[in-house]
Amino acid sequence: MNWIDLTNEEQLNQLIQESSHNPQLIFKHSTRCSISIMAKSRLDREDSVPDMDFYYLDLLQFRDLSKKIAEVFSVVHQSPQVLLIKNGECVYEETHNAINMEEIREQIAL
């Protein structure tokens, strides 16, 4: 998996714009949470999806950005959490042990 570190609002705005061309995934991760570590490990073992960017947000380091993401996409902040962004909107979000690449792939196809 080729993660892109998500560290600022400018990147967030860019990924929102890019989502009109290609789906974008945000993985909100807590480095202190065993469930989050396990969810990231599961994603890391999978092949990435062609023409899709995978963003990694370290919640402990960028808490304000995480709050901004929750606000922009009208989702409740969770950790770990994935958000699939298409055409500027969050079309799918999942948390904790329910995070898996098979479901993400299915949601991309919709």
Foldseek 3Di string as FASTA:
>chain_A
DDEDEDADVVVVVVQLVLLQPAKEKEWEAEPVDPLRVVLVVQVVVDDDDPRYHYYYYHCVVRVVVQVVVCVQAVHDRDHGKMFIHHNNHGPDMDDGPVRHVVVVVVSRVD
